[in-house]
Protein backbone atom coordinates (compact mmCIF):
# COMPACT_ATOMS: atom_id res chain seq x y z
CA UNK A 1 0.36 -0.04 -0.29
CA UNK A 2 1.37 3.40 -0.94
CA UNK A 3 -0.05 7.03 0.44
CA UNK A 4 -0.11 9.95 -1.33
CA UNK A 5 -0.74 13.63 -0.69
CA UNK A 6 -2.20 16.08 -2.97
CA UNK A 7 -3.04 19.33 -2.47
CA UNK A 8 -6.48 20.52 -3.71
CA UNK A 9 -7.73 23.85 -4.91
CA UNK A 10 -10.89 25.48 -5.59
CA UNK A 11 -11.98 26.70 -8.92
CA UNK A 12 -11.05 30.26 -7.81
CA UNK A 13 -7.16 29.09 -6.56
CA UNK A 14 -6.26 27.66 -10.08
CA UNK A 15 -4.06 29.45 -12.07
CA UNK A 16 -5.83 31.09 -15.43
CA UNK A 17 -4.49 28.19 -17.72
CA UNK A 18 -5.98 25.76 -15.41
CA UNK A 19 -9.11 27.56 -15.01
CA UNK A 20 -9.52 27.43 -18.82
CA UNK A 21 -8.57 23.75 -19.23
CA UNK A 22 -11.30 23.02 -16.59
CA UNK A 23 -13.81 25.46 -18.13
CA UNK A 24 -13.08 23.61 -21.71
CA UNK A 25 -13.58 19.96 -19.93
CA UNK A 26 -16.82 21.13 -18.12
CA UNK A 27 -18.63 23.10 -20.88
CA UNK A 28 -21.47 20.39 -21.70
CA UNK A 29 -22.07 19.97 -18.11
CA UNK A 30 -24.90 21.73 -17.48
CA UNK A 31 -26.53 20.45 -20.83
CA UNK A 32 -25.76 16.68 -20.01
CA UNK A 33 -29.77 16.19 -18.65
CA UNK A 34 -33.07 17.43 -20.10
CA UNK A 35 -31.95 21.29 -19.92
CA UNK A 36 -34.51 22.22 -22.34
CA UNK A 37 -37.60 21.10 -20.35
CA UNK A 38 -38.12 24.21 -18.56
CA UNK A 39 -38.00 26.45 -22.01
CA UNK A 40 -40.37 23.70 -23.51
CA UNK A 41 -42.51 24.99 -20.70
CA UNK A 42 -42.15 28.81 -21.42
CA UNK A 43 -42.79 27.88 -25.25
CA UNK A 44 -46.12 25.92 -24.33
CA UNK A 45 -46.99 28.35 -22.18
CA UNK A 46 -46.51 31.18 -24.64
CA UNK A 47 -48.39 29.10 -27.31
CA UNK A 48 -51.35 28.49 -25.16
CA UNK A 49 -51.81 32.13 -24.66
CA UNK A 50 -51.62 32.73 -28.41
CA UNK A 51 -54.32 29.76 -29.02
CA UNK A 52 -51.64 26.82 -29.80
CA UNK A 53 -51.84 23.79 -27.97
CA UNK A 54 -48.38 22.37 -28.28
CA UNK A 55 -47.47 18.31 -27.81
CA UNK A 56 -43.99 17.14 -28.93
CA UNK A 57 -41.24 19.66 -29.69
CA UNK A 58 -38.21 18.55 -31.37
CA UNK A 59 -35.45 21.14 -32.00
CA UNK A 60 -31.69 21.63 -33.01
CA UNK A 61 -31.06 24.90 -31.19
CA UNK A 62 -29.11 26.44 -34.00
CA UNK A 63 -31.49 25.52 -37.05
CA UNK A 64 -34.97 24.37 -36.25
CA UNK A 65 -37.81 24.13 -33.55
CA UNK A 66 -40.95 21.77 -34.79
CA UNK A 67 -43.67 20.75 -32.85
CA UNK A 68 -47.30 18.93 -32.88
CA UNK A 69 -49.94 21.23 -31.93
CA UNK A 70 -53.60 22.41 -32.71
CA UNK A 71 -54.33 26.36 -33.10
CA UNK A 72 -57.80 28.08 -32.81
CA UNK A 73 -58.34 31.90 -31.87
CA UNK A 74 -57.97 32.63 -28.62
CA UNK A 75 -59.62 36.47 -27.48
CA UNK A 76 -57.41 38.56 -25.82
CA UNK A 77 -54.31 36.67 -26.84
CA UNK A 78 -52.42 40.07 -27.52
CA UNK A 79 -53.02 41.48 -24.12
CA UNK A 80 -52.18 38.04 -22.30
CA UNK A 81 -48.92 38.03 -24.19
CA UNK A 82 -48.05 41.34 -23.40
CA UNK A 83 -48.59 40.81 -19.87
CA UNK A 84 -47.08 37.54 -19.31
CA UNK A 85 -43.73 38.54 -21.70
CA UNK A 86 -43.68 42.42 -21.17
CA UNK A 87 -40.37 42.74 -22.53
CA UNK A 88 -40.73 40.22 -25.41
CA UNK A 89 -41.45 42.56 -28.42
CA UNK A 90 -41.25 39.86 -31.04
CA UNK A 91 -43.54 37.94 -29.22
CA UNK A 92 -45.88 40.66 -29.15
CA UNK A 93 -45.71 41.24 -32.80
CA UNK A 94 -46.70 37.28 -33.47
CA UNK A 95 -49.49 37.84 -31.24
CA UNK A 96 -50.58 41.40 -33.21
CA UNK A 97 -49.98 39.59 -36.38
CA UNK A 98 -52.33 36.38 -35.65
CA UNK A 99 -54.90 39.00 -34.14
CA UNK A 100 -55.09 40.71 -37.47
CA UNK A 101 -55.20 37.79 -39.52
CA UNK A 102 -58.14 36.49 -37.44
CA UNK A 103 -59.86 39.77 -37.80
CA UNK A 104 -59.97 39.53 -41.60
CA UNK A 105 -60.97 35.97 -41.58
CA UNK A 106 -64.17 36.89 -39.02
CA UNK A 107 -61.88 34.94 -36.14
CA UNK A 108 -62.94 31.52 -37.82
CA UNK A 109 -59.36 30.34 -38.41
CA UNK A 110 -58.05 27.02 -36.74
CA UNK A 111 -55.24 24.82 -37.88
CA UNK A 112 -53.63 21.39 -37.29
CA UNK A 113 -49.67 21.39 -36.88
CA UNK A 114 -47.56 18.55 -37.56
CA UNK A 115 -43.93 18.04 -37.34
CA UNK A 116 -42.04 17.21 -40.69
CA UNK A 117 -38.35 16.19 -41.01
CA UNK A 118 -37.05 19.56 -40.28
CA UNK A 119 -40.30 21.87 -40.76
CA UNK A 120 -43.81 22.28 -39.40
CA UNK A 121 -47.04 21.21 -41.86
CA UNK A 122 -50.32 23.01 -41.48
CA UNK A 123 -53.53 21.82 -42.26
CA UNK A 124 -55.70 24.91 -42.08
CA UNK A 125 -59.39 25.60 -41.92
CA UNK A 126 -61.99 28.34 -41.79
CA UNK A 127 -65.39 27.76 -40.26
CA UNK A 128 -64.36 23.82 -39.76
CA UNK A 129 -63.86 23.47 -43.42
CA UNK A 130 -60.17 22.99 -45.41
CA UNK A 131 -59.35 26.24 -46.07
CA UNK A 132 -55.58 27.50 -47.91
CA UNK A 133 -54.37 30.10 -45.64
CA UNK A 134 -50.15 30.42 -46.04
CA UNK A 135 -50.51 33.70 -43.59
CA UNK A 136 -51.68 31.50 -40.65
CA UNK A 137 -48.50 28.89 -41.53
CA UNK A 138 -46.31 32.09 -42.05
CA UNK A 139 -47.07 33.47 -38.53
CA UNK A 140 -46.81 30.15 -36.93
CA UNK A 141 -43.54 29.43 -38.42
CA UNK A 142 -42.52 32.95 -36.71
CA UNK A 143 -43.59 31.49 -33.55
CA UNK A 144 -41.63 28.21 -34.38
CA UNK A 145 -38.42 30.90 -35.05
CA UNK A 146 -39.18 32.59 -31.64
CA UNK A 147 -39.11 29.17 -29.87
CA UNK A 148 -35.77 28.13 -31.50
CA UNK A 149 -34.11 31.27 -30.76
CA UNK A 150 -34.96 30.93 -26.73
CA UNK A 151 -33.74 27.62 -27.02
CA UNK A 152 -30.43 28.63 -28.64
CA UNK A 153 -30.09 31.42 -26.15
CA UNK A 154 -30.97 29.14 -22.94
CA UNK A 155 -28.37 26.67 -24.63
CA UNK A 156 -25.42 29.32 -25.15
CA UNK A 157 -26.13 30.54 -21.59
CA UNK A 158 -25.56 26.94 -19.98
CA UNK A 159 -22.59 26.26 -21.82
CA UNK A 160 -21.02 29.78 -21.34
CA UNK A 161 -18.12 30.07 -19.04
CA UNK A 162 -20.09 32.35 -16.46
CA UNK A 163 -22.81 29.39 -16.36
CA UNK A 164 -20.21 26.30 -15.97
CA UNK A 165 -18.27 28.25 -13.37
CA UNK A 166 -21.39 29.12 -11.53
CA UNK A 167 -22.32 25.00 -11.55
CA UNK A 168 -18.66 24.18 -10.27
CA UNK A 169 -18.61 26.78 -7.46
CA UNK A 170 -22.05 25.71 -6.55
CA UNK A 171 -20.89 22.18 -6.22
CA UNK A 172 -17.79 22.62 -4.33
CA UNK A 173 -15.68 20.93 -6.89
CA UNK A 174 -11.92 20.59 -6.07
CA UNK A 175 -9.27 19.90 -8.66
CA UNK A 176 -5.33 19.45 -8.53
CA UNK A 177 -3.10 22.31 -9.63
CA UNK A 178 -3.16 21.08 -13.23
CA UNK A 179 -7.07 21.45 -13.04
CA UNK A 180 -7.77 17.80 -12.75
CA UNK A 181 -11.06 16.72 -11.01
CA UNK A 182 -10.43 15.41 -7.30
């Protein structure tokens, strides 16, 4: 048997080079679980305010967000979105666009959204009958882009040096002088 003594360091006690190695090695630690579930909750909540009942969501944070959903007009959606997401002007614009489109169609449009390989597909209805309405699909695509950007921004934050450092410090990780986890 051999006994060994090792000096351990907190993250802040490491040299700058060792800190960089640790941040690089741990860069994905905050996204090794279902990190997107809270963001999915936000997307579903925003969708519900707009009249979208969203089921499964699939995404690549840098290229698409697709989902299964149904859409029906919700009275007061624009106001509800402004109240719930007061700083999100992009979402406000989507709500206003939906309201204006519905007004032109006497508040009669609805839609079934199904996810495809990397895009959503739409089957629109007016007064319950099949109806060609590219504008409604375009607005729902705007919502999907908003959702993708929300997911992308969350991913960028969780993999940022700041978030990784917070996680390391919160868990009290200790390292060798070279930056290896003890």
